[in-house]
Amino acid sequence: MSVAQMGLLYGLATFVFLFSGMPIAFALGSVAVIFMYFFMPAAQLTIIAETIFSELNSFTLLTIPLFILMGAAIGKSRAGADLYNSLNRWLYKLPGGLGLANTLACSVFSAMCGSSPATCAAIGSAGIPEMRKRGYSERLATGLIAAGGTLGILIPPSLTLILYGLATEQSIGKLFMAGVGPGLLLTALFSLWVVYKAWAEKTERLASHKATGMAAQPVEFYSWKEKLEILPRLLPFLGLILIVMVALYDGWATPSEVAGIGAFGAMLMVMSIYGCWRWTDMKVILSGTARESSMIMLIIAMSFLYTYVMSYLHITQSAAAWLVSLGMSKWEFLLWVNVMLLVLGFFLPPVAIILMVTPVLLPALVALDIDLIWFGVIMTINMEMGLVTPPVGLNLFVISGIAPDVKLKQIMWGTMPFLGLMALGIVLLCIFPEIATWLPSQYSGS
C-alpha cells in the first residue's frame, strides 16, 4: 500500500471513529493502535505507554489544569453577574449601552477564565434576560453572547493557544501575548456592531410605539452610589488579571508559574469575597477541574500517539511534501487552509482540530516562511467561528440552555453578523500582522 493510500485510509478511519459518537480521545487512540497493529512492527505496541508518558512529561502541561482551576473557581462565583451589572451601571447612558456592557463583560470574563462555554453561561444567564426585557431582539441578545463567549479561547489565558503551542513547540507566553491585540480588535468590532444594531432596533421600536400609541419603556437610571457600590466586588478580579498579565509580559514568571498564581488568587478571592469556602463549594470547583483536566489531558495523550503513528508511517511528511508541491503562494495556501479549518469546525471541537491538523500543516507553514505565532492566532479565530456554527457549535447549545424559549434557528441567525466580523478580523490580521506580532516581539519570557 502506498503512503498516499495509507494516509487516505488513516484519515477515513479517523472520521468514521469520530462520527460514531466515540469520545475524541478514544477515537484517536483506537485509530492509532489499529494502524500500529496492522502496519507497524509488533515491538511498537509494547512501547505505547512509554511513548505517551514521555510526551506528557512536560512542565508546560501544568498550565492546563491550573488555568482550568482558575476558570472553575471564578465560574462558581457571581463574578460574571457582578461584572455584567457593574459595566451596565457605568455604560447605560451610551447608545446600546446594555449590549455594549455584555460585550465588554464577555471580553473581561474571558481574560479571567479562558473558557468559551463558561463565559457564555456566566454572562448570558444575567445578560440575555435583561437585554430581552429592554427590547433587544432575540437574535441580537443571543447572538451577541454566543459570539462574545468565543473570545474565551483567544484572550489569554487560552487553552486553545496552549495546545497549539504544544503542537508546534512555540512559546506559550508569546502566544498569549499574540492573543491580546486580536482579542481587543474583535471586542471593538463586536462593540461597534452591537451599538449600531441596538440603536437601529431602538429607533424601530420608538417608531412602532409612536404609531400604535404604546407607552415607551421607562428610562434606566443609576446613581453614583449604585455605580460605586459594586466595584469592591469586581476590582480584585481585575487586579488578578493585571497581576497575571504583568508577570507574564515582563517575564517575571513562566506560563506555568503564572497559571499557579492565577489559580491560587482566584481560589483565594472566591473564598473571601463570595464565601465559597465550604466543602460543598470546593467539591464543585475541584471535581469540575478534575473532570475537564482529565478529559483534555487524555485527548492530548492520545493525540501524541496518533501523530506518532502518522509520522512513523510517513503520512505527515508526505502530506506536507504534497502541500508544498502544489506551488501555491503563501496567501493561496492560507486561504485554503482557513476554508478547511472552517469546514472542520462544523463537525469537530477546537481541541481535536488543533491536535490532528497542526502536525500536518506545520512543515508546509515552515516551508512557506509563515510566522507560527501569527498563524496560531489566525487558527484560533477560525476555531472561534466553529463554536457558533452548526451542527457541533458548542456555544449555540449553551445559549439554547440559557434561553430555551428561543429557537436554535434564531440564535444561529443572530451569530451570522459576528461570524462576518471574525472573518473581517482575520483579513485585518493578514493586512496588519503587527496586531498579533508586536506584543510577542517585546516579550522577554519563555
Protein backbone atom coordinates (compact mmCIF):
# COMPACT_ATOMS: atom_id res chain seq x y z
CA MET A 1 0.00 0.00 0.00
CA SER A 2 1.37 3.40 -0.97
CA VAL A 3 1.82 6.20 1.54
CA ALA A 4 -0.97 8.20 -0.15
CA GLN A 5 -3.39 5.30 0.17
CA MET A 6 -2.28 4.78 3.76
CA GLY A 7 -2.90 8.45 4.53
CA LEU A 8 -6.37 8.41 2.98
CA LEU A 9 -7.25 5.24 4.90
CA TYR A 10 -5.92 6.77 8.12
CA GLY A 11 -7.99 9.92 7.63
CA LEU A 12 -11.11 7.97 6.69
CA ALA A 13 -10.77 5.71 9.73
CA THR A 14 -10.35 8.77 11.95
CA PHE A 15 -13.56 10.41 10.73
CA VAL A 16 -15.50 7.14 10.97
CA PHE A 17 -14.47 6.73 14.61
CA LEU A 18 -15.10 10.39 15.46
CA PHE A 19 -18.55 10.50 13.86
CA SER A 20 -19.52 7.22 15.51
CA GLY A 21 -20.03 9.17 18.71
CA MET A 22 -16.97 7.73 20.42
CA PRO A 23 -15.16 10.19 22.74
CA ILE A 24 -12.40 12.06 20.90
CA ALA A 25 -9.55 10.61 22.99
CA PHE A 26 -10.70 7.03 22.47
CA ALA A 27 -11.32 7.62 18.76
CA LEU A 28 -7.80 8.94 18.15
CA GLY A 29 -6.23 6.27 20.33
CA SER A 30 -8.19 3.45 18.68
CA VAL A 31 -7.19 4.51 15.17
CA ALA A 32 -3.54 4.78 16.23
CA VAL A 33 -3.46 1.36 17.91
CA ILE A 34 -5.25 -0.37 14.99
CA PHE A 35 -2.75 1.02 12.48
CA MET A 36 0.15 0.14 14.77
CA TYR A 37 -1.12 -3.44 14.93
CA PHE A 38 -1.52 -3.89 11.17
CA PHE A 39 1.17 -1.66 9.64
CA MET A 40 3.96 -1.32 12.20
CA PRO A 41 6.38 -3.79 13.85
CA ALA A 42 4.86 -5.69 16.77
CA ALA A 43 7.51 -4.27 19.09
CA GLN A 44 5.93 -0.82 18.69
CA LEU A 45 2.84 -2.00 20.57
CA THR A 46 4.96 -2.67 23.65
CA ILE A 47 6.15 0.93 23.91
CA ILE A 48 2.74 2.67 23.67
CA ALA A 49 2.74 3.62 27.35
CA GLU A 50 6.35 4.82 27.19
CA THR A 51 5.59 6.92 24.09
CA ILE A 52 2.59 8.57 25.73
CA PHE A 53 4.21 9.28 29.09
CA SER A 54 7.42 10.61 27.56
CA GLU A 55 5.37 13.18 25.62
CA LEU A 56 3.26 14.08 28.66
CA ASN A 57 6.40 14.69 30.72
CA SER A 58 6.26 18.43 30.07
CA PHE A 59 6.25 21.21 32.65
CA THR A 60 4.22 23.35 30.24
CA LEU A 61 1.26 20.97 30.54
CA LEU A 62 0.81 22.13 34.14
CA THR A 63 -0.72 25.32 32.76
CA ILE A 64 -3.80 23.42 31.60
CA PRO A 65 -5.23 22.14 34.91
CA LEU A 66 -4.16 25.32 36.71
CA PHE A 67 -5.93 27.65 34.28
CA ILE A 68 -8.95 25.32 34.32
CA LEU A 69 -8.96 25.58 38.14
CA MET A 70 -8.80 29.38 37.85
CA GLY A 71 -11.78 29.39 35.49
CA ALA A 72 -13.76 26.89 37.58
CA ALA A 73 -13.29 28.97 40.73
CA ILE A 74 -14.40 32.20 39.04
CA GLY A 75 -17.26 30.43 37.26
CA LYS A 76 -18.56 29.10 40.60
CA SER A 77 -18.86 32.64 41.97
CA ARG A 78 -21.12 35.50 40.95
CA ALA A 79 -18.16 37.28 39.36
CA GLY A 80 -19.79 37.10 35.92
CA ALA A 81 -23.06 38.63 37.11
CA ASP A 82 -21.23 41.30 39.12
CA LEU A 83 -19.03 42.12 36.14
CA TYR A 84 -22.07 42.50 33.88
CA ASN A 85 -24.03 44.60 36.41
CA SER A 86 -21.07 46.87 37.08
CA LEU A 87 -20.42 47.58 33.41
CA ASN A 88 -24.13 48.11 32.76
CA ARG A 89 -24.36 50.69 35.54
CA TRP A 90 -21.46 52.65 34.06
CA LEU A 91 -22.40 52.34 30.37
CA TYR A 92 -26.20 52.54 30.46
CA LYS A 93 -26.31 56.11 29.07
CA LEU A 94 -24.46 55.18 25.88
CA PRO A 95 -26.41 54.11 22.77
CA GLY A 96 -26.72 50.35 23.03
CA GLY A 97 -25.07 50.57 26.45
CA LEU A 98 -26.63 47.34 27.70
CA GLY A 99 -25.37 45.38 24.70
CA LEU A 100 -22.01 47.09 24.98
CA ALA A 101 -21.83 46.10 28.66
CA ASN A 102 -22.47 42.47 27.72
CA THR A 103 -19.78 42.57 25.02
CA LEU A 104 -17.16 44.04 27.34
CA ALA A 105 -18.21 41.68 30.13
CA CYS A 106 -17.60 38.71 27.80
CA SER A 107 -14.17 40.11 26.95
CA VAL A 108 -13.10 40.69 30.57
CA PHE A 109 -14.56 37.41 31.82
CA SER A 110 -12.65 35.61 29.05
CA ALA A 111 -9.45 37.02 30.49
CA MET A 112 -10.43 35.63 33.89
CA CYS A 113 -11.40 32.09 32.94
CA GLY A 114 -10.29 31.29 29.36
CA SER A 115 -13.36 29.12 28.73
CA SER A 116 -15.87 29.87 25.99
CA PRO A 117 -18.85 27.90 27.43
CA ALA A 118 -18.17 29.31 30.92
CA THR A 119 -18.18 32.87 29.53
CA CYS A 120 -21.47 32.26 27.72
CA ALA A 121 -23.08 30.78 30.82
CA ALA A 122 -21.78 33.37 33.30
CA ILE A 123 -22.59 36.49 31.26
CA GLY A 124 -25.56 35.15 29.31
CA SER A 125 -27.55 33.95 32.33
CA ALA A 126 -27.74 37.55 33.55
CA GLY A 127 -27.38 39.47 30.28
CA ILE A 128 -29.79 37.73 27.90
CA PRO A 129 -32.93 38.15 30.08
CA GLU A 130 -32.07 41.81 30.73
CA MET A 131 -31.49 42.58 27.06
CA ARG A 132 -34.74 40.91 26.02
CA LYS A 133 -36.64 42.72 28.80
CA ARG A 134 -35.35 46.04 27.48
CA GLY A 135 -36.46 45.38 23.92
CA TYR A 136 -33.37 43.82 22.31
CA SER A 137 -34.34 41.29 19.66
CA GLU A 138 -33.88 37.58 20.37
CA ARG A 139 -31.32 37.38 17.55
CA LEU A 140 -29.15 40.21 18.88
CA ALA A 141 -29.35 39.21 22.55
CA THR A 142 -28.47 35.55 21.99
CA GLY A 143 -26.10 36.02 19.05
CA LEU A 144 -24.09 38.62 20.98
CA ILE A 145 -23.46 36.31 23.95
CA ALA A 146 -22.78 33.25 21.77
CA ALA A 147 -20.17 35.18 19.76
CA GLY A 148 -18.81 37.12 22.74
CA GLY A 149 -18.23 33.85 24.54
CA THR A 150 -15.85 32.71 21.80
CA LEU A 151 -13.37 35.34 22.98
CA GLY A 152 -12.61 32.92 25.81
CA ILE A 153 -10.37 30.82 23.56
CA LEU A 154 -8.47 33.83 22.16
CA ILE A 155 -7.89 36.29 25.01
CA PRO A 156 -5.28 34.82 27.39
CA PRO A 157 -5.31 32.60 29.33
CA SER A 158 -6.36 30.43 26.39
CA LEU A 159 -6.31 26.63 26.45
CA THR A 160 -6.50 26.63 22.65
CA LEU A 161 -3.29 28.63 22.37
CA ILE A 162 -1.62 26.35 24.93
CA LEU A 163 -2.49 23.28 22.86
CA TYR A 164 -1.31 24.98 19.67
CA GLY A 165 1.95 25.90 21.39
CA LEU A 166 2.47 22.29 22.44
CA ALA A 167 1.75 21.03 18.92
CA THR A 168 4.14 23.50 17.27
CA GLU A 169 6.71 23.83 20.09
CA GLN A 170 6.17 27.59 20.25
CA SER A 171 6.43 29.80 23.34
CA ILE A 172 3.16 29.78 25.30
CA GLY A 173 4.00 33.22 26.66
CA LYS A 174 4.43 34.67 23.16
CA LEU A 175 1.18 33.05 22.01
CA PHE A 176 -0.65 34.58 24.97
CA MET A 177 0.78 37.99 24.11
CA ALA A 178 -0.23 37.47 20.47
CA GLY A 179 -3.84 36.88 21.52
CA VAL A 180 -4.19 40.23 23.30
CA GLY A 181 -4.27 42.55 20.25
CA PRO A 182 -6.64 40.40 18.14
CA GLY A 183 -8.83 39.86 21.22
CA LEU A 184 -9.15 43.62 21.67
CA LEU A 185 -9.74 44.01 17.92
CA LEU A 186 -12.64 41.54 17.91
CA THR A 187 -14.06 43.12 21.07
CA ALA A 188 -14.00 46.52 19.32
CA LEU A 189 -15.63 45.14 16.15
CA PHE A 190 -18.32 43.35 18.17
CA SER A 191 -18.94 46.51 20.22
CA LEU A 192 -19.35 48.74 17.16
CA TRP A 193 -21.82 46.33 15.61
CA VAL A 194 -23.82 45.98 18.85
CA VAL A 195 -24.02 49.76 19.34
CA TYR A 196 -25.23 50.24 15.76
CA LYS A 197 -27.71 47.35 15.83
CA ALA A 198 -29.10 48.30 19.25
CA TRP A 199 -29.55 51.90 18.06
CA ALA A 200 -31.32 50.68 14.89
CA GLU A 201 -33.64 48.40 16.89
CA LYS A 202 -34.40 51.16 19.41
CA THR A 203 -35.25 53.59 16.62
CA GLU A 204 -37.58 50.99 15.11
CA ARG A 205 -39.24 50.35 18.49
CA LEU A 206 -39.78 54.06 19.15
CA ALA A 207 -41.36 54.49 15.71
CA SER A 208 -43.61 51.50 16.37
CA HIS A 209 -44.64 52.82 19.80
CA LYS A 210 -45.40 56.24 18.32
CA ALA A 211 -47.51 54.72 15.54
CA THR A 212 -49.50 52.49 17.91
CA GLY A 213 -49.68 54.89 20.86
CA MET A 214 -47.91 52.46 23.20
CA ALA A 215 -46.06 53.84 26.21
CA ALA A 216 -42.28 53.91 25.90
CA GLN A 217 -40.16 51.83 28.25
CA PRO A 218 -39.02 53.61 31.42
CA VAL A 219 -35.59 55.22 31.24
CA GLU A 220 -32.92 53.40 33.24
CA PHE A 221 -31.00 55.41 35.85
CA TYR A 222 -28.22 54.62 38.32
CA SER A 223 -26.89 56.97 40.97
CA TRP A 224 -23.20 57.39 41.71
CA LYS A 225 -23.73 55.40 44.90
CA GLU A 226 -25.14 52.48 42.90
CA LYS A 227 -22.26 52.72 40.43
CA LEU A 228 -19.59 52.66 43.11
CA GLU A 229 -21.06 50.10 45.50
CA ILE A 230 -20.47 47.16 43.16
CA LEU A 231 -16.83 47.97 42.34
CA PRO A 232 -15.28 46.44 45.53
CA ARG A 233 -16.54 43.02 44.41
CA LEU A 234 -15.12 43.46 40.92
CA LEU A 235 -11.78 45.21 41.39
CA PRO A 236 -9.96 42.23 42.98
CA PHE A 237 -10.60 40.10 39.88
CA LEU A 238 -9.44 42.88 37.57
CA GLY A 239 -6.37 43.21 39.78
CA LEU A 240 -5.73 39.48 39.42
CA ILE A 241 -5.87 39.80 35.62
CA LEU A 242 -3.41 42.69 35.77
CA ILE A 243 -1.00 40.74 38.00
CA VAL A 244 -1.14 37.70 35.72
CA MET A 245 -0.58 39.74 32.57
CA VAL A 246 2.25 41.85 34.06
CA ALA A 247 4.01 38.78 35.46
CA LEU A 248 3.76 37.08 32.07
CA TYR A 249 4.54 40.10 29.90
CA ASP A 250 7.57 41.27 31.91
CA GLY A 251 8.96 37.74 32.14
CA TRP A 252 8.73 37.60 35.93
CA ALA A 253 7.34 34.07 35.75
CA THR A 254 6.89 31.24 33.26
CA PRO A 255 3.37 30.50 31.92
CA SER A 256 3.12 27.53 34.31
CA GLU A 257 4.04 29.71 37.29
CA VAL A 258 1.62 32.41 36.15
CA ALA A 259 -1.11 29.77 35.93
CA GLY A 260 -0.33 28.80 39.53
CA ILE A 261 -0.56 32.43 40.64
CA GLY A 262 -3.87 32.83 38.81
CA ALA A 263 -5.38 29.65 40.24
CA PHE A 264 -4.29 30.49 43.81
CA GLY A 265 -5.51 34.09 43.51
CA ALA A 266 -8.87 33.05 42.04
CA MET A 267 -9.44 30.46 44.79
CA LEU A 268 -8.50 32.98 47.48
CA MET A 269 -10.86 35.61 46.07
CA VAL A 270 -13.93 33.42 45.63
CA MET A 271 -13.42 32.15 49.19
CA SER A 272 -13.05 35.62 50.72
CA ILE A 273 -15.41 37.67 48.53
CA TYR A 274 -18.15 35.15 47.72
CA GLY A 275 -17.84 32.83 50.71
CA CYS A 276 -17.09 29.73 48.60
CA TRP A 277 -15.07 28.05 51.35
CA ARG A 278 -17.42 25.24 52.35
CA TRP A 279 -16.70 21.69 51.22
CA THR A 280 -19.82 21.68 49.02
CA ASP A 281 -18.42 24.67 47.11
CA MET A 282 -14.88 23.29 46.97
CA LYS A 283 -16.18 19.92 45.79
CA VAL A 284 -17.91 21.50 42.78
CA ILE A 285 -14.82 23.54 41.85
CA LEU A 286 -12.27 20.74 42.31
CA SER A 287 -14.36 17.95 40.77
CA GLY A 288 -15.17 20.12 37.75
CA THR A 289 -11.48 20.94 37.34
CA ALA A 290 -10.52 17.27 37.64
CA ARG A 291 -13.09 16.16 35.05
CA GLU A 292 -12.21 18.78 32.44
CA SER A 293 -8.44 18.46 33.01
CA SER A 294 -8.58 14.67 32.74
CA MET A 295 -10.59 14.89 29.53
CA ILE A 296 -8.19 17.35 27.89
CA MET A 297 -5.05 15.55 29.09
CA LEU A 298 -6.39 12.23 27.78
CA ILE A 299 -7.07 13.84 24.39
CA ILE A 300 -3.54 15.27 24.38
CA ALA A 301 -2.04 11.89 25.30
CA MET A 302 -3.93 10.07 22.53
CA SER A 303 -3.12 12.82 20.03
CA PHE A 304 0.59 12.32 20.74
CA LEU A 305 0.19 8.63 19.92
CA TYR A 306 -1.94 9.49 16.88
CA THR A 307 0.66 11.88 15.43
CA TYR A 308 3.50 9.45 16.30
CA VAL A 309 1.84 6.79 14.12
CA MET A 310 1.31 9.32 11.32
CA SER A 311 4.97 10.27 11.44
CA TYR A 312 6.20 6.65 11.61
CA LEU A 313 4.12 5.73 8.54
CA HIS A 314 5.42 8.88 6.75
CA ILE A 315 1.89 10.22 6.34
CA THR A 316 2.75 13.59 7.85
CA GLN A 317 5.89 14.07 5.79
CA SER A 318 4.19 13.01 2.55
CA ALA A 319 1.18 15.25 3.17
CA ALA A 320 3.46 18.22 3.86
CA ALA A 321 5.54 17.50 0.74
CA TRP A 322 2.36 17.30 -1.32
CA LEU A 323 1.11 20.63 0.03
CA VAL A 324 4.41 22.31 -0.82
CA SER A 325 4.50 20.70 -4.29
CA LEU A 326 1.20 22.35 -5.20
CA GLY A 327 3.19 25.53 -5.75
CA MET A 328 0.64 27.76 -4.07
CA SER A 329 1.69 31.16 -2.86
CA LYS A 330 1.66 31.93 0.85
CA TRP A 331 -1.72 33.65 0.64
CA GLU A 332 -3.34 30.99 -1.54
CA PHE A 333 -2.19 28.36 0.93
CA LEU A 334 -3.56 30.34 3.89
CA LEU A 335 -6.89 30.85 2.11
CA TRP A 336 -7.45 27.15 1.53
CA VAL A 337 -6.20 26.24 5.00
CA ASN A 338 -8.74 28.62 6.52
CA VAL A 339 -11.51 27.16 4.38
CA MET A 340 -10.52 23.67 5.50
CA LEU A 341 -10.41 24.72 9.17
CA LEU A 342 -13.81 26.38 8.87
CA VAL A 343 -15.36 23.22 7.40
CA LEU A 344 -13.73 21.03 10.06
CA GLY A 345 -15.11 23.43 12.69
CA PHE A 346 -18.63 22.49 11.61
CA PHE A 347 -18.07 18.96 12.90
CA LEU A 348 -15.14 18.87 15.36
CA PRO A 349 -14.23 20.81 18.53
CA PRO A 350 -11.12 23.06 18.55
CA VAL A 351 -9.05 20.65 20.65
CA ALA A 352 -9.41 17.83 18.10
CA ILE A 353 -8.73 20.07 15.09
CA ILE A 354 -5.58 21.61 16.55
CA LEU A 355 -4.05 18.33 17.68
CA MET A 356 -4.95 16.46 14.45
CA VAL A 357 -4.31 19.08 11.77
CA THR A 358 -1.40 21.16 13.09
CA PRO A 359 1.27 18.42 12.74
CA VAL A 360 0.30 18.00 9.08
CA LEU A 361 0.35 21.73 8.33
CA LEU A 362 3.47 22.57 10.32
CA PRO A 363 6.14 21.56 7.74
CA ALA A 364 4.31 23.45 4.98
CA LEU A 365 3.94 26.53 7.21
CA VAL A 366 7.68 26.47 7.88
CA ALA A 367 8.50 25.93 4.18
CA LEU A 368 6.36 28.96 3.22
CA ASP A 369 8.02 31.06 5.97
CA ILE A 370 4.72 31.74 7.74
CA ASP A 371 5.06 33.15 11.26
CA LEU A 372 3.84 30.33 13.53
CA ILE A 373 2.85 32.68 16.36
CA TRP A 374 0.76 34.77 13.97
CA PHE A 375 -0.78 31.68 12.38
CA GLY A 376 -1.74 30.39 15.86
CA VAL A 377 -3.94 33.46 16.30
CA ILE A 378 -5.48 33.06 12.84
CA MET A 379 -6.21 29.41 13.59
CA THR A 380 -7.76 30.29 16.96
CA ILE A 381 -10.12 32.86 15.43
CA ASN A 382 -11.14 30.20 12.93
CA MET A 383 -11.80 27.86 15.86
CA GLU A 384 -13.97 30.61 17.38
CA MET A 385 -16.14 30.52 14.27
CA GLY A 386 -16.57 26.78 14.72
CA LEU A 387 -18.00 27.35 18.21
CA VAL A 388 -21.01 29.18 16.77
CA THR A 389 -21.65 27.16 13.61
CA PRO A 390 -23.86 24.06 13.49
CA PRO A 391 -24.08 21.13 13.86
CA VAL A 392 -21.49 20.98 16.68
CA GLY A 393 -21.32 24.67 17.66
CA LEU A 394 -20.95 24.31 21.43
CA ASN A 395 -21.89 27.91 22.25
CA LEU A 396 -25.17 27.59 20.35
CA PHE A 397 -26.29 24.84 22.69
CA VAL A 398 -25.08 26.68 25.79
CA ILE A 399 -27.20 29.69 24.78
CA SER A 400 -30.11 27.41 23.95
CA GLY A 401 -29.92 26.08 27.51
CA ILE A 402 -29.89 29.62 28.94
CA ALA A 403 -32.81 30.79 26.77
CA PRO A 404 -34.79 27.60 25.97
CA ASP A 405 -37.76 29.56 24.61
CA VAL A 406 -35.61 31.00 21.79
CA LYS A 407 -35.44 28.73 18.76
CA LEU A 408 -32.00 27.48 17.77
CA LYS A 409 -32.60 28.94 14.30
CA GLN A 410 -32.91 32.45 15.79
CA ILE A 411 -29.69 32.02 17.78
CA MET A 412 -27.88 30.88 14.61
CA TRP A 413 -29.13 33.89 12.62
CA GLY A 414 -28.06 36.13 15.48
CA THR A 415 -24.46 34.89 15.23
CA MET A 416 -24.17 35.49 11.46
CA PRO A 417 -23.06 39.16 11.66
CA PHE A 418 -20.45 38.20 14.26
CA LEU A 419 -19.14 35.41 12.01
CA GLY A 420 -18.64 38.09 9.36
CA LEU A 421 -16.78 40.25 11.88
CA MET A 422 -14.50 37.34 12.79
CA ALA A 423 -13.74 36.83 9.09
CA LEU A 424 -13.02 40.57 8.86
CA GLY A 425 -10.69 40.20 11.85
CA ILE A 426 -8.71 37.51 10.00
CA VAL A 427 -8.46 39.77 6.94
CA LEU A 428 -7.23 42.68 9.07
CA LEU A 429 -4.63 40.42 10.69
CA CYS A 430 -3.41 39.44 7.23
CA ILE A 431 -3.12 43.09 6.20
CA PHE A 432 -1.73 44.27 9.56
CA PRO A 433 0.05 41.26 11.13
CA GLU A 434 1.58 43.59 13.73
CA ILE A 435 -1.75 43.46 15.59
CA ALA A 436 -0.73 39.97 16.67
CA THR A 437 3.05 40.07 16.37
CA TRP A 438 4.04 43.34 18.05
CA LEU A 439 3.49 42.30 21.68
CA PRO A 440 5.26 38.93 21.27
CA SER A 441 8.25 40.74 19.77
CA GLN A 442 8.51 42.72 23.03
CA TYR A 443 8.10 39.65 25.21
CA SER A 444 11.14 38.68 27.28
CA GLY A 445 9.85 35.43 28.84
CA SER A 446 9.69 31.86 27.57
